[in-house]
N, C-alpha and C. Protein backbone atom coordinates (compact mmCIF):
# COMPACT_ATOMS: atom_id res chain seq x y z
N MET A 1 1.85 8.83 13.58
CA MET A 1 3.32 9.15 13.66
C MET A 1 3.43 9.88 15.05
N LYS A 2 2.53 10.51 15.60
CA LYS A 2 2.54 10.91 17.08
C LYS A 2 3.74 11.88 17.24
N LYS A 3 4.34 12.55 16.41
CA LYS A 3 5.23 13.50 16.70
C LYS A 3 5.04 14.64 15.57
N PHE A 4 5.07 15.87 16.03
CA PHE A 4 4.93 16.86 15.05
C PHE A 4 6.17 17.22 14.33
N LEU A 5 6.16 17.71 13.12
CA LEU A 5 7.22 17.77 12.35
C LEU A 5 8.00 19.10 12.36
N SER A 6 7.37 20.10 11.78
CA SER A 6 8.07 21.39 11.82
C SER A 6 7.09 22.44 11.46
N THR A 7 7.39 23.65 11.23
CA THR A 7 6.40 24.73 10.88
C THR A 7 5.75 24.50 9.72
N LEU A 8 6.20 23.70 8.74
CA LEU A 8 5.68 23.36 7.50
C LEU A 8 4.66 22.11 7.57
N ILE A 9 4.84 21.22 8.59
CA ILE A 9 4.19 20.06 8.72
C ILE A 9 3.34 19.81 9.90
N LEU A 10 2.35 19.02 9.87
CA LEU A 10 1.55 18.69 10.87
C LEU A 10 1.25 17.16 10.81
N CYS A 11 0.94 16.54 12.01
CA CYS A 11 0.74 15.05 11.97
C CYS A 11 -0.54 14.82 12.71
N CYS A 12 -1.04 13.56 12.60
CA CYS A 12 -2.27 13.27 13.17
C CYS A 12 -2.68 11.89 12.87
N GLY A 13 -3.87 11.42 13.18
CA GLY A 13 -4.24 10.01 12.70
C GLY A 13 -5.85 9.82 12.74
N LEU A 14 -6.35 8.45 12.43
CA LEU A 14 -7.71 8.00 12.28
C LEU A 14 -8.08 6.61 12.07
N ALA A 15 -9.37 6.15 12.16
CA ALA A 15 -9.79 4.85 11.85
C ALA A 15 -11.12 4.42 12.39
N SER A 16 -11.66 3.40 11.80
CA SER A 16 -12.82 2.56 12.40
C SER A 16 -13.58 1.89 11.41
N THR A 17 -15.00 1.91 11.53
CA THR A 17 -15.86 1.02 10.71
C THR A 17 -16.60 1.87 9.60
N ALA A 18 -17.87 1.75 9.64
CA ALA A 18 -18.71 2.40 8.48
C ALA A 18 -18.90 3.91 8.76
N LEU A 19 -18.90 4.61 7.69
CA LEU A 19 -19.04 6.07 7.88
C LEU A 19 -20.45 6.39 8.38
N ALA A 20 -20.47 7.35 9.37
CA ALA A 20 -21.79 7.54 10.14
C ALA A 20 -22.21 9.04 10.15
N ASN A 21 -21.27 9.87 10.50
CA ASN A 21 -21.78 11.33 10.69
C ASN A 21 -20.67 12.19 10.10
N ASP A 22 -20.94 13.47 10.12
CA ASP A 22 -20.04 14.35 9.47
C ASP A 22 -19.45 15.34 10.49
N PHE A 23 -18.44 15.96 10.11
CA PHE A 23 -17.71 16.96 11.10
C PHE A 23 -17.37 18.07 10.22
N THR A 24 -17.52 19.22 10.57
CA THR A 24 -17.20 20.53 9.86
C THR A 24 -16.18 21.29 10.61
N PHE A 25 -15.16 21.61 9.87
CA PHE A 25 -14.14 22.58 10.51
C PHE A 25 -14.50 23.90 9.91
N ALA A 26 -15.33 24.71 10.77
CA ALA A 26 -15.82 26.02 10.31
C ALA A 26 -14.78 26.88 9.81
N GLN A 27 -13.53 26.89 10.52
CA GLN A 27 -12.63 27.97 10.21
C GLN A 27 -12.06 27.83 8.75
N ALA A 28 -12.03 26.71 8.14
CA ALA A 28 -11.77 26.30 6.79
C ALA A 28 -12.92 26.05 5.82
N GLY A 29 -14.01 26.00 6.35
CA GLY A 29 -15.24 25.63 5.55
C GLY A 29 -15.08 24.21 4.95
N LEU A 30 -14.57 23.30 5.84
CA LEU A 30 -14.36 21.88 5.33
C LEU A 30 -15.02 20.99 6.17
N LYS A 31 -15.70 19.92 5.44
CA LYS A 31 -16.55 18.97 6.10
C LYS A 31 -16.01 17.60 5.64
N ILE A 32 -15.95 16.61 6.68
CA ILE A 32 -15.55 15.27 6.36
C ILE A 32 -16.55 14.31 6.99
N ASP A 33 -16.80 13.12 6.46
CA ASP A 33 -17.65 12.15 7.00
C ASP A 33 -16.70 11.29 7.98
N LEU A 34 -17.28 10.88 9.14
CA LEU A 34 -16.50 10.15 10.11
C LEU A 34 -16.95 8.77 10.30
N PRO A 35 -16.00 7.83 10.56
CA PRO A 35 -16.53 6.56 11.05
C PRO A 35 -17.27 6.42 12.23
N ASN A 36 -17.99 5.35 12.63
CA ASN A 36 -18.59 5.35 13.84
C ASN A 36 -17.58 5.18 14.97
N GLY A 37 -17.80 5.72 16.11
CA GLY A 37 -16.91 5.56 17.23
C GLY A 37 -15.82 6.48 17.30
N PHE A 38 -15.64 7.54 16.42
CA PHE A 38 -14.73 8.54 16.43
C PHE A 38 -15.26 9.74 17.12
N ASN A 39 -14.32 10.41 18.08
CA ASN A 39 -14.72 11.44 18.74
C ASN A 39 -13.66 12.53 18.75
N LEU A 40 -13.97 13.83 18.94
CA LEU A 40 -13.04 14.90 18.99
C LEU A 40 -12.33 14.73 20.29
N LEU A 41 -10.94 14.96 20.18
CA LEU A 41 -10.07 14.69 21.34
C LEU A 41 -10.06 16.17 22.08
N PRO A 42 -10.04 16.07 23.46
CA PRO A 42 -9.93 17.26 24.23
C PRO A 42 -8.50 17.86 23.97
N ARG A 43 -8.30 19.12 24.27
CA ARG A 43 -6.95 19.65 24.06
C ARG A 43 -5.93 18.94 24.97
N ALA A 44 -6.28 18.53 26.14
CA ALA A 44 -5.24 17.95 27.06
C ALA A 44 -4.69 16.65 26.44
N ASP A 45 -5.60 15.86 25.74
CA ASP A 45 -5.27 14.65 25.13
C ASP A 45 -4.43 14.77 23.93
N ILE A 46 -4.75 15.91 23.21
CA ILE A 46 -3.93 16.23 21.92
C ILE A 46 -2.38 16.59 22.37
N ASP A 47 -2.40 17.43 23.49
CA ASP A 47 -1.05 17.89 23.94
C ASP A 47 -0.29 16.66 24.46
N GLN A 48 -0.87 15.69 25.05
CA GLN A 48 -0.25 14.48 25.55
C GLN A 48 0.21 13.63 24.45
N LEU A 49 -0.53 13.57 23.42
CA LEU A 49 -0.20 12.70 22.18
C LEU A 49 1.00 13.22 21.39
N TYR A 50 1.05 14.57 21.26
CA TYR A 50 2.05 15.21 20.59
C TYR A 50 3.10 15.79 21.14
N ALA A 51 3.26 15.74 22.57
CA ALA A 51 4.28 16.30 23.39
C ALA A 51 5.62 15.67 22.82
N PRO A 52 6.70 16.54 22.91
CA PRO A 52 6.78 17.84 23.46
C PRO A 52 6.45 18.91 22.50
N THR A 53 6.02 18.65 21.29
CA THR A 53 5.82 19.67 20.32
C THR A 53 4.27 20.03 20.34
N ARG A 54 3.93 21.14 19.76
CA ARG A 54 2.59 21.59 19.65
C ARG A 54 1.69 20.57 18.80
N GLY A 55 0.60 20.10 19.22
CA GLY A 55 -0.26 19.40 18.31
C GLY A 55 -1.10 20.14 17.46
N PRO A 56 -1.76 19.51 16.49
CA PRO A 56 -2.57 20.22 15.53
C PRO A 56 -3.88 20.82 16.23
N GLY A 57 -4.54 21.71 15.47
CA GLY A 57 -5.76 22.32 16.08
C GLY A 57 -6.78 21.38 16.45
N PHE A 58 -7.05 20.33 15.78
CA PHE A 58 -8.13 19.38 16.06
C PHE A 58 -7.68 18.04 15.74
N VAL A 59 -8.02 17.13 16.65
CA VAL A 59 -7.81 15.68 16.30
C VAL A 59 -8.97 14.89 16.71
N ILE A 60 -9.45 13.93 15.77
CA ILE A 60 -10.60 13.07 15.99
C ILE A 60 -9.96 11.61 15.95
N GLY A 61 -10.37 10.76 16.92
CA GLY A 61 -9.78 9.39 16.88
C GLY A 61 -10.74 8.43 17.58
N ASN A 62 -10.21 7.17 17.33
CA ASN A 62 -10.92 6.04 17.91
C ASN A 62 -10.63 5.95 19.48
N ALA A 63 -11.25 5.05 20.12
CA ALA A 63 -11.14 5.06 21.57
C ALA A 63 -9.70 4.81 21.96
N ALA A 64 -9.08 4.05 21.30
CA ALA A 64 -7.62 3.56 21.57
C ALA A 64 -6.60 4.62 21.20
N ARG A 65 -7.11 5.64 20.38
CA ARG A 65 -6.12 6.81 19.84
C ARG A 65 -5.18 6.02 18.86
N SER A 66 -5.36 4.86 18.40
CA SER A 66 -4.45 4.14 17.45
C SER A 66 -4.81 4.50 16.17
N VAL A 67 -5.98 5.05 15.79
CA VAL A 67 -6.34 5.51 14.44
C VAL A 67 -6.96 7.08 14.55
N THR A 68 -6.30 8.00 13.99
CA THR A 68 -6.93 9.36 14.18
C THR A 68 -6.80 10.20 12.88
N ILE A 69 -7.51 11.25 12.95
CA ILE A 69 -7.47 12.31 11.83
C ILE A 69 -7.16 13.59 12.50
N SER A 70 -6.18 14.33 12.02
CA SER A 70 -5.83 15.60 12.49
C SER A 70 -6.10 16.66 11.37
N TYR A 71 -6.45 17.87 11.95
CA TYR A 71 -6.77 18.88 11.05
C TYR A 71 -6.13 20.21 11.58
N ASP A 72 -5.38 20.96 10.63
CA ASP A 72 -4.82 22.25 11.07
C ASP A 72 -4.79 23.25 9.84
N LEU A 73 -4.84 24.49 10.21
CA LEU A 73 -4.79 25.62 9.20
C LEU A 73 -3.57 26.43 9.64
N LYS A 74 -2.58 26.38 8.73
CA LYS A 74 -1.29 27.16 9.24
C LYS A 74 -1.23 28.45 8.31
N ALA A 75 -0.38 29.29 8.93
CA ALA A 75 -0.30 30.60 8.23
C ALA A 75 0.43 30.66 6.99
N GLN A 76 1.25 29.53 6.60
CA GLN A 76 2.00 29.54 5.38
C GLN A 76 1.08 29.60 4.21
N ASP A 77 1.49 30.49 3.20
CA ASP A 77 0.63 30.61 2.00
C ASP A 77 1.33 29.81 0.86
N ILE A 78 0.64 28.62 0.65
CA ILE A 78 1.10 27.92 -0.47
C ILE A 78 0.06 27.89 -1.57
N THR A 79 0.42 28.62 -2.66
CA THR A 79 -0.69 28.70 -3.70
C THR A 79 -0.54 27.48 -4.64
N GLU A 80 -1.69 27.25 -5.40
CA GLU A 80 -1.74 26.17 -6.36
C GLU A 80 -0.65 26.34 -7.52
N MET A 81 -0.18 27.45 -7.77
CA MET A 81 0.80 27.67 -8.72
C MET A 81 2.07 27.12 -8.46
N ASN A 82 2.42 27.09 -7.17
CA ASN A 82 3.69 26.50 -6.68
C ASN A 82 3.64 25.23 -5.90
N LEU A 83 2.36 24.58 -6.01
CA LEU A 83 2.08 23.42 -5.18
C LEU A 83 3.04 22.16 -5.62
N ALA A 84 3.27 22.07 -6.96
CA ALA A 84 4.14 21.08 -7.42
C ALA A 84 5.58 21.29 -6.95
N GLN A 85 5.97 22.53 -6.94
CA GLN A 85 7.32 22.80 -6.38
C GLN A 85 7.42 22.52 -4.81
N SER A 86 6.26 22.80 -4.25
CA SER A 86 6.36 22.60 -2.86
C SER A 86 6.57 20.93 -2.46
N LEU A 87 6.07 20.13 -3.30
CA LEU A 87 6.18 18.81 -3.02
C LEU A 87 7.65 18.38 -2.68
N LYS A 88 8.54 18.85 -3.50
CA LYS A 88 10.13 18.55 -3.32
C LYS A 88 10.45 19.07 -1.86
N THR A 89 10.02 20.26 -1.57
CA THR A 89 10.32 20.80 -0.25
C THR A 89 9.78 19.93 0.91
N PHE A 90 8.55 19.45 0.76
CA PHE A 90 7.95 18.75 1.82
C PHE A 90 8.73 17.36 1.90
N GLU A 91 9.16 16.80 0.88
CA GLU A 91 9.84 15.57 0.84
C GLU A 91 11.14 15.75 1.60
N GLN A 92 11.90 16.75 1.38
CA GLN A 92 13.17 17.10 2.00
C GLN A 92 12.93 17.37 3.44
N VAL A 93 12.03 18.04 3.84
CA VAL A 93 11.76 18.33 5.28
C VAL A 93 11.37 17.05 6.06
N PHE A 94 10.41 16.18 5.55
CA PHE A 94 10.08 15.01 6.13
C PHE A 94 11.13 14.02 6.35
N GLU A 95 11.95 13.93 5.30
CA GLU A 95 13.18 12.99 5.45
C GLU A 95 14.30 13.39 6.41
N GLN A 96 14.24 14.92 6.66
CA GLN A 96 15.25 15.26 7.57
C GLN A 96 14.63 15.18 9.18
N ARG A 97 13.35 15.22 9.18
CA ARG A 97 12.67 15.24 10.44
C ARG A 97 12.37 13.76 10.96
N LEU A 98 12.28 13.03 10.07
CA LEU A 98 11.79 11.55 10.39
C LEU A 98 12.79 10.50 9.82
N PRO A 99 13.75 10.27 10.60
CA PRO A 99 14.89 9.28 10.33
C PRO A 99 14.11 7.90 10.07
N GLY A 100 14.48 7.12 9.15
CA GLY A 100 13.83 5.87 8.81
C GLY A 100 12.44 5.91 8.15
N LEU A 101 12.04 7.22 7.69
CA LEU A 101 10.84 7.28 6.85
C LEU A 101 10.86 6.44 5.65
N VAL A 102 9.72 5.86 5.27
CA VAL A 102 9.69 4.97 4.05
C VAL A 102 8.51 5.54 3.28
N TRP A 103 8.76 6.07 2.10
CA TRP A 103 7.64 6.67 1.22
C TRP A 103 6.88 5.49 0.60
N LYS A 104 5.59 5.77 0.56
CA LYS A 104 4.72 4.88 0.00
C LYS A 104 4.10 5.62 -1.30
N GLN A 105 3.87 6.81 -1.25
CA GLN A 105 3.31 7.60 -2.26
C GLN A 105 3.39 9.09 -2.14
N ARG A 106 3.69 9.71 -3.23
CA ARG A 106 3.87 11.23 -3.20
C ARG A 106 3.28 11.68 -4.68
N LYS A 107 2.26 12.32 -4.48
CA LYS A 107 1.68 12.93 -5.77
C LYS A 107 0.68 14.09 -5.59
N LEU A 108 0.38 14.71 -6.78
CA LEU A 108 -0.59 15.76 -6.86
C LEU A 108 -1.91 15.21 -7.22
N LEU A 109 -2.95 15.61 -6.60
CA LEU A 109 -4.24 15.03 -7.00
C LEU A 109 -5.33 16.24 -7.01
N GLU A 110 -6.34 16.11 -7.82
CA GLU A 110 -7.45 17.12 -7.88
C GLU A 110 -8.70 16.63 -7.20
N HIS A 111 -9.21 17.41 -6.14
CA HIS A 111 -10.46 16.99 -5.50
C HIS A 111 -11.22 18.31 -5.13
N GLU A 112 -12.57 18.32 -5.36
CA GLU A 112 -13.26 19.46 -5.11
C GLU A 112 -12.76 20.70 -5.97
N LYS A 113 -12.38 20.36 -7.12
CA LYS A 113 -11.78 21.37 -8.13
C LYS A 113 -10.66 22.14 -7.50
N GLN A 114 -9.88 21.50 -6.76
CA GLN A 114 -8.68 22.07 -6.16
C GLN A 114 -7.54 21.12 -6.09
N GLN A 115 -6.29 21.45 -6.19
CA GLN A 115 -5.06 20.58 -6.18
C GLN A 115 -4.61 20.34 -4.64
N TRP A 116 -4.28 19.03 -4.46
CA TRP A 116 -3.73 18.72 -3.16
C TRP A 116 -2.46 17.98 -3.35
N LEU A 117 -1.68 18.04 -2.29
CA LEU A 117 -0.50 17.21 -2.17
C LEU A 117 -0.98 15.86 -1.36
N GLN A 118 -0.58 14.71 -1.77
CA GLN A 118 -1.00 13.57 -1.14
C GLN A 118 0.35 12.78 -0.83
N LEU A 119 0.74 12.67 0.52
CA LEU A 119 1.99 12.16 0.93
C LEU A 119 1.68 11.00 1.80
N GLU A 120 2.08 9.73 1.45
CA GLU A 120 1.84 8.68 2.16
C GLU A 120 3.21 7.97 2.54
N PHE A 121 3.34 7.79 3.89
CA PHE A 121 4.72 7.29 4.38
C PHE A 121 4.55 6.39 5.58
N LEU A 122 5.68 5.54 5.91
CA LEU A 122 5.64 4.96 7.18
C LEU A 122 6.71 5.72 8.03
N SER A 123 6.32 5.74 9.43
CA SER A 123 7.21 6.44 10.36
C SER A 123 7.13 5.63 11.71
N LYS A 124 8.06 5.81 12.62
CA LYS A 124 8.09 5.25 13.89
C LYS A 124 8.13 6.23 14.93
N SER A 125 7.33 5.92 16.03
CA SER A 125 7.34 6.80 17.27
C SER A 125 7.13 6.01 18.38
N GLY A 126 7.97 6.15 19.40
CA GLY A 126 7.99 5.24 20.68
C GLY A 126 7.90 3.76 20.29
N GLY A 127 8.61 3.34 19.27
CA GLY A 127 8.72 1.86 18.99
C GLY A 127 7.54 1.39 18.16
N VAL A 128 6.47 2.25 17.83
CA VAL A 128 5.44 1.86 17.17
C VAL A 128 5.50 2.38 15.72
N GLU A 129 5.13 1.57 14.79
CA GLU A 129 5.21 1.99 13.29
C GLU A 129 3.82 2.55 12.87
N TYR A 130 3.82 3.58 12.18
CA TYR A 130 2.54 4.27 11.83
C TYR A 130 2.40 4.45 10.22
N TYR A 131 1.26 4.17 9.72
CA TYR A 131 1.07 4.53 8.24
C TYR A 131 0.36 5.85 8.28
N ASN A 132 0.89 6.83 7.49
CA ASN A 132 0.37 8.21 7.46
C ASN A 132 -0.11 8.61 6.16
N ILE A 133 -1.23 9.07 6.02
CA ILE A 133 -1.69 9.79 4.78
C ILE A 133 -1.97 11.11 4.93
N MET A 134 -1.20 12.08 4.37
CA MET A 134 -1.10 13.41 4.63
C MET A 134 -1.70 14.15 3.39
N LEU A 135 -2.62 14.96 3.49
CA LEU A 135 -3.31 15.90 2.41
C LEU A 135 -2.99 17.33 2.77
N ILE A 136 -2.50 18.00 1.76
CA ILE A 136 -2.09 19.42 1.90
C ILE A 136 -2.69 20.18 0.78
N THR A 137 -3.26 21.36 1.11
CA THR A 137 -3.81 22.19 -0.01
C THR A 137 -3.90 23.70 0.46
N PRO A 138 -3.70 24.69 -0.47
CA PRO A 138 -3.80 26.10 -0.06
C PRO A 138 -5.25 26.35 0.08
N ILE A 139 -5.64 27.24 1.12
CA ILE A 139 -6.92 27.58 1.34
C ILE A 139 -7.03 28.92 2.03
N LYS A 140 -7.70 30.00 1.54
CA LYS A 140 -7.91 31.14 2.26
C LYS A 140 -6.44 31.86 2.64
N ASN A 141 -5.48 31.69 1.66
CA ASN A 141 -4.02 32.17 1.90
C ASN A 141 -3.37 31.50 2.99
N GLN A 142 -3.76 30.24 3.34
CA GLN A 142 -3.18 29.50 4.31
C GLN A 142 -2.88 28.12 3.85
N MET A 143 -2.28 27.33 4.67
CA MET A 143 -2.04 25.96 4.43
C MET A 143 -2.96 24.97 5.24
N LEU A 144 -3.80 24.30 4.52
CA LEU A 144 -4.69 23.30 5.21
C LEU A 144 -3.95 21.92 5.17
N VAL A 145 -3.92 21.28 6.41
CA VAL A 145 -3.29 19.94 6.56
C VAL A 145 -4.14 19.06 7.14
N LEU A 146 -4.39 17.89 6.56
CA LEU A 146 -5.14 16.66 7.00
C LEU A 146 -4.25 15.60 7.20
N ASN A 147 -4.04 14.91 8.33
CA ASN A 147 -3.33 13.90 8.38
C ASN A 147 -4.14 12.63 8.96
N LEU A 148 -4.30 11.53 8.11
CA LEU A 148 -5.03 10.42 8.65
C LEU A 148 -3.98 9.28 8.93
N ASN A 149 -3.93 8.77 10.12
CA ASN A 149 -2.98 7.73 10.25
C ASN A 149 -3.48 6.59 11.13
N SER A 150 -2.68 5.52 11.13
CA SER A 150 -3.01 4.28 11.81
C SER A 150 -1.87 3.62 12.22
N THR A 151 -1.81 2.75 13.15
CA THR A 151 -0.71 1.84 13.42
C THR A 151 -0.68 0.99 12.19
N VAL A 152 0.58 0.48 11.88
CA VAL A 152 0.76 -0.41 10.67
C VAL A 152 -0.03 -1.65 10.96
N ALA A 153 -0.10 -2.11 12.18
CA ALA A 153 -0.84 -3.35 12.43
C ALA A 153 -2.21 -3.29 12.26
N GLU A 154 -2.87 -2.06 12.33
CA GLU A 154 -4.33 -1.88 12.27
C GLU A 154 -4.65 -1.40 10.76
N PHE A 155 -3.61 -0.92 10.15
CA PHE A 155 -3.81 -0.40 8.87
C PHE A 155 -4.69 -1.28 7.81
N PRO A 156 -4.52 -2.63 7.86
CA PRO A 156 -5.26 -3.39 6.85
C PRO A 156 -6.84 -3.20 7.05
N THR A 157 -7.27 -2.98 8.26
CA THR A 157 -8.69 -2.79 8.57
C THR A 157 -9.04 -1.35 8.57
N ALA A 158 -8.11 -0.43 8.84
CA ALA A 158 -8.37 0.99 8.89
C ALA A 158 -8.34 1.55 7.44
N GLU A 159 -7.68 0.95 6.52
CA GLU A 159 -7.45 1.74 5.39
C GLU A 159 -8.77 2.05 4.55
N ALA A 160 -9.62 1.02 4.42
CA ALA A 160 -10.83 1.47 3.73
C ALA A 160 -11.75 2.61 4.39
N PRO A 161 -11.87 2.64 5.62
CA PRO A 161 -12.55 3.78 6.31
C PRO A 161 -11.80 5.09 6.05
N LEU A 162 -10.42 4.98 6.21
CA LEU A 162 -9.64 6.22 6.05
C LEU A 162 -9.83 6.82 4.55
N ARG A 163 -9.71 5.94 3.47
CA ARG A 163 -9.78 6.29 2.10
C ARG A 163 -11.16 6.88 1.83
N ALA A 164 -12.25 6.37 2.60
CA ALA A 164 -13.56 6.79 2.48
C ALA A 164 -13.62 8.22 2.90
N VAL A 165 -12.87 8.54 4.15
CA VAL A 165 -12.97 9.87 4.69
C VAL A 165 -12.50 10.78 3.69
N MET A 166 -11.25 10.38 3.04
CA MET A 166 -10.69 11.28 1.96
C MET A 166 -11.57 11.63 0.83
N LYS A 167 -12.28 10.55 0.42
CA LYS A 167 -13.32 10.84 -0.72
C LYS A 167 -14.37 11.76 -0.26
N SER A 168 -14.69 11.78 0.93
CA SER A 168 -15.83 12.64 1.56
C SER A 168 -15.53 14.02 1.81
N ILE A 169 -14.33 14.47 1.59
CA ILE A 169 -13.96 15.86 1.86
C ILE A 169 -14.75 16.82 1.00
N ALA A 170 -15.35 17.86 1.64
CA ALA A 170 -16.03 18.85 1.00
C ALA A 170 -15.54 20.09 1.32
N LEU A 171 -15.31 21.02 0.41
CA LEU A 171 -14.78 22.34 0.70
C LEU A 171 -15.93 23.43 0.46
N ASN A 172 -15.58 24.70 0.92
CA ASN A 172 -16.53 25.76 0.85
C ASN A 172 -17.86 25.45 1.44
N VAL A 173 -17.83 24.74 2.63
CA VAL A 173 -19.11 24.48 3.27
C VAL A 173 -19.46 25.84 4.09
N VAL A 174 -20.73 26.22 3.86
CA VAL A 174 -21.29 27.43 4.61
C VAL A 174 -21.70 27.07 5.96
N VAL A 175 -21.16 27.62 7.00
CA VAL A 175 -21.54 27.32 8.41
C VAL A 175 -22.51 28.40 8.88
N PRO A 176 -23.75 28.14 9.26
CA PRO A 176 -24.54 29.24 9.59
C PRO A 176 -24.10 29.90 10.84
N GLU A 177 -24.23 31.13 10.96
CA GLU A 177 -23.72 31.91 12.15
C GLU A 177 -24.66 31.46 13.35
N MET A 178 -24.05 31.17 14.46
CA MET A 178 -24.77 30.82 15.67
C MET A 178 -24.90 31.81 16.71
N ILE A 179 -26.00 31.99 17.21
CA ILE A 179 -26.22 32.88 18.23
C ILE A 179 -26.09 32.14 19.53
N THR A 180 -25.25 32.26 20.36
CA THR A 180 -24.93 31.41 21.53
C THR A 180 -25.70 31.96 22.69
N ASN A 181 -25.79 33.31 22.86
CA ASN A 181 -26.54 33.74 24.01
C ASN A 181 -27.44 34.86 23.63
N PRO A 182 -28.48 34.59 23.00
CA PRO A 182 -29.51 35.54 22.46
C PRO A 182 -30.05 36.43 23.64
N ALA A 183 -30.23 37.66 23.47
CA ALA A 183 -30.65 38.59 24.44
C ALA A 183 -32.18 38.25 24.57
N PRO A 184 -32.47 38.19 25.98
CA PRO A 184 -33.96 37.88 26.30
C PRO A 184 -34.91 38.94 25.63
N ALA A 185 -36.15 38.55 25.24
CA ALA A 185 -37.00 39.47 24.88
C ALA A 185 -37.48 40.38 25.89
N LYS A 186 -37.63 41.65 25.44
CA LYS A 186 -38.10 42.72 26.48
C LYS A 186 -39.47 42.45 26.79
N LYS A 187 -39.77 42.52 28.13
CA LYS A 187 -41.27 42.47 28.48
C LYS A 187 -41.84 43.86 28.43
N PRO A 188 -43.12 43.95 27.96
CA PRO A 188 -43.71 45.25 27.92
C PRO A 188 -43.85 45.73 29.30
N ALA A 189 -43.58 47.17 29.36
CA ALA A 189 -43.66 47.78 30.57
C ALA A 189 -45.05 47.70 31.11
N ALA A 190 -45.06 47.45 32.53
CA ALA A 190 -46.44 47.37 33.20
C ALA A 190 -47.09 48.71 33.20
N SER A 191 -48.34 48.65 32.94
CA SER A 191 -48.98 49.97 33.05
C SER A 191 -49.36 50.41 34.50
N LYS A 192 -49.10 51.64 34.77
CA LYS A 192 -49.19 51.97 36.11
C LYS A 192 -50.82 52.43 36.43
N LYS A 193 -51.42 51.98 37.34
CA LYS A 193 -52.83 52.25 37.70
C LYS A 193 -52.82 53.54 38.49
N LYS A 194 -53.85 54.35 38.02
CA LYS A 194 -53.99 55.63 38.81
C LYS A 194 -54.91 55.44 39.93
N ASP A 195 -54.64 56.08 41.15
CA ASP A 195 -55.52 55.99 42.20
C ASP A 195 -56.75 56.72 41.96
N LYS A 196 -57.94 56.16 42.17
CA LYS A 196 -59.19 56.81 42.00
C LYS A 196 -59.34 57.96 43.05
N PRO A 197 -59.78 59.00 42.65
CA PRO A 197 -60.04 60.20 43.64
C PRO A 197 -61.05 59.81 44.67
N ALA A 198 -60.82 60.25 45.80
CA ALA A 198 -61.81 59.97 46.86
C ALA A 198 -63.20 60.56 46.63
N ALA A 199 -64.26 59.87 47.06
CA ALA A 199 -65.60 60.34 46.68
C ALA A 199 -65.94 61.47 47.59
């Protein structure tokens, strides 16, 4: 969809072939399996893709940037108790922000013992039509948003890998603390030789 929506919403994208490696978003303790050929986009590329609005925290995409996965953790606290009520709010905001939006699916689902909103829709940006799969869940008193999207033209081949990524989502992943610059080991102090007295 290539345009960010509002303070409530984030956008992004993904695609490719067989799942090959995993990627962990340490901030949320979330891990996903990625298709081959997908790489983390540098900040400059993200800013260019989502200009003029702020892009998500992380975007992983194919070489052409036509299929992407975005991730963000927002300050909004949406608890599981009101997640079903939040669905209507999201529907209204998306419809206001994205003229011509076509809904494909809106539902609650359970994954990793947690409820998620799953919103699927078509949208246009720059004359290109995109298929978006957005997943939203509360985590650590914040709002976790994943958006997997592809151009509509590529979606028939991108859909299976994207759905596999969705199934691979793992929560509460423990990321070991990394020591980036360990202090060098101290060398033992050199012993001072005493001068022998003159004979």
